[in-house]
Amino acid sequence: MIPIQEVDIYSDNNIKISAHVIVPNTDMAAAEAIIYDPNYNELYSAYQTIGQYPTAIAAFEAIVLASNKYIAKSGGNITRINNPCNTEFVNEVEQQNIISSHSIDVSIEVNA
């Protein structure tokens, strides 16, 4: 089984980002995203690697920052963050602290 935590990020301009925190071992984590942006392409999503990080928390923060930047570039805001398959590596409180520190005003959801 791949050690992965899925995070779905939604915007008020119809962008959906399905991101993954991947933790193959205790020494590293990675972040990636699949971006569906109907303003760019109505038929296909785009895959984007975000990078490698020393911890899952750092990978999650990179996902939030990259998503916020992408959504803001087209004039949107993050409206919802959901963890559809629990919070294997970065729990709800840790996630809420990260988004709050970046002035993103949404409540983290789990299995919503």
Protein backbone atom coordinates (compact mmCIF):
# COMPACT_ATOMS: atom_id res chain seq x y z
CA MET A 1 0.00 0.00 0.00
CA ILE A 2 1.25 3.48 -0.87
CA PRO A 3 1.56 5.66 2.26
CA ILE A 4 -0.54 8.63 1.12
CA GLN A 5 -2.87 11.25 2.53
CA GLU A 6 -5.31 12.83 0.10
CA VAL A 7 -6.41 16.45 0.51
CA ASP A 8 -9.06 18.06 -1.70
CA ILE A 9 -8.98 21.84 -2.06
CA TYR A 10 -11.86 23.78 -3.62
CA SER A 11 -12.13 27.38 -4.76
CA ASP A 12 -14.86 29.92 -5.43
CA ASN A 13 -13.90 29.97 -9.13
CA ASN A 14 -14.52 26.23 -9.70
CA ILE A 15 -10.94 24.99 -9.40
CA LYS A 16 -10.51 21.67 -7.60
CA ILE A 17 -7.11 20.47 -6.49
CA SER A 18 -6.68 16.89 -5.36
CA ALA A 19 -3.34 16.81 -3.57
CA HIS A 20 -1.32 14.04 -1.96
CA VAL A 21 1.10 13.97 0.94
CA ILE A 22 3.24 10.90 0.30
CA VAL A 23 5.44 9.48 3.06
CA PRO A 24 7.48 6.52 1.78
CA ASN A 25 9.67 6.43 4.89
CA THR A 26 10.36 8.37 8.10
CA ASP A 27 13.10 10.48 6.47
CA MET A 28 11.10 12.23 3.78
CA ALA A 29 7.75 13.27 2.41
CA ALA A 30 6.59 14.45 -0.99
CA ALA A 31 3.78 16.61 -2.29
CA GLU A 32 1.92 16.40 -5.58
CA ALA A 33 -1.33 17.76 -6.98
CA ILE A 34 -3.85 17.08 -9.71
CA ILE A 35 -5.45 20.36 -10.74
CA TYR A 36 -8.82 20.60 -12.44
CA ASP A 37 -9.26 24.14 -13.73
CA PRO A 38 -12.22 24.54 -16.10
CA ASN A 39 -11.01 28.07 -16.89
CA TYR A 40 -7.88 26.49 -18.38
CA ASN A 41 -9.16 23.18 -19.76
CA GLU A 42 -12.69 21.79 -19.35
CA LEU A 43 -11.76 18.24 -20.36
CA TYR A 44 -8.53 17.40 -18.56
CA SER A 45 -6.77 17.82 -15.26
CA ALA A 46 -3.07 18.60 -14.96
CA TYR A 47 -0.59 16.72 -12.77
CA GLN A 48 1.95 18.81 -10.86
CA THR A 49 4.77 17.70 -8.58
CA ILE A 50 5.33 20.16 -5.76
CA GLY A 51 8.48 18.77 -4.16
CA GLN A 52 10.19 16.71 -1.46
CA TYR A 53 10.21 17.75 2.20
CA PRO A 54 11.65 16.52 5.49
CA THR A 55 8.20 16.01 7.08
CA ALA A 56 4.57 15.42 6.13
CA ILE A 57 3.66 18.72 7.81
CA ALA A 58 6.09 20.59 5.55
CA ALA A 59 4.66 18.78 2.50
CA PHE A 60 1.11 19.74 3.51
CA GLU A 61 2.12 23.36 3.96
CA ALA A 62 3.71 23.34 0.50
CA ILE A 63 0.45 21.99 -0.94
CA VAL A 64 -1.54 24.76 0.73
CA LEU A 65 0.83 27.49 -0.45
CA ALA A 66 1.01 26.18 -4.04
CA SER A 67 -2.77 25.74 -4.19
CA ASN A 68 -3.46 29.18 -2.77
CA LYS A 69 -1.04 30.77 -5.24
CA TYR A 70 -2.56 28.93 -8.21
CA ILE A 71 -6.15 29.76 -7.23
CA ALA A 72 -5.35 33.40 -6.41
CA LYS A 73 -3.62 33.83 -9.79
CA SER A 74 -7.02 33.47 -11.46
CA GLY A 75 -8.78 35.72 -8.95
CA GLY A 76 -10.14 33.01 -6.66
CA ASN A 77 -9.98 32.02 -3.02
CA ILE A 78 -9.84 28.69 -1.23
CA THR A 79 -13.34 27.91 0.07
CA ARG A 80 -12.99 24.35 1.35
CA ILE A 81 -10.32 21.83 2.37
CA ASN A 82 -11.39 18.23 2.89
CA ASN A 83 -9.48 15.07 3.77
CA PRO A 84 -11.69 12.41 2.13
CA CYS A 85 -9.76 9.44 3.53
CA ASN A 86 -8.88 10.41 7.11
CA THR A 87 -5.70 12.19 8.19
CA GLU A 88 -2.94 9.60 8.14
CA PHE A 89 0.05 11.96 8.47
CA VAL A 90 -1.10 15.52 9.17
CA ASN A 91 -4.01 15.70 11.58
CA GLU A 92 -6.89 18.16 11.54
CA VAL A 93 -5.44 20.46 14.22
CA GLU A 94 -2.03 20.63 12.50
CA GLN A 95 -3.71 21.44 9.20
CA GLN A 96 -5.90 24.12 10.77
CA ASN A 97 -2.83 25.74 12.36
CA ILE A 98 -1.05 25.81 8.99
CA ILE A 99 -3.90 27.38 7.04
CA SER A 100 -4.60 29.87 9.81
CA SER A 101 -0.96 30.96 9.79
CA HIS A 102 -1.40 31.83 6.10
CA SER A 103 -4.69 33.73 6.66
CA ILE A 104 -6.84 31.15 4.89
CA ASP A 105 -10.22 31.31 6.58
CA VAL A 106 -11.78 27.87 6.16
CA SER A 107 -12.35 24.96 8.52
CA ILE A 108 -10.51 21.73 7.80
CA GLU A 109 -12.91 18.88 7.08
CA VAL A 110 -12.31 15.14 7.47
CA ASN A 111 -14.32 12.54 5.56
CA ALA A 112 -16.88 15.16 4.51
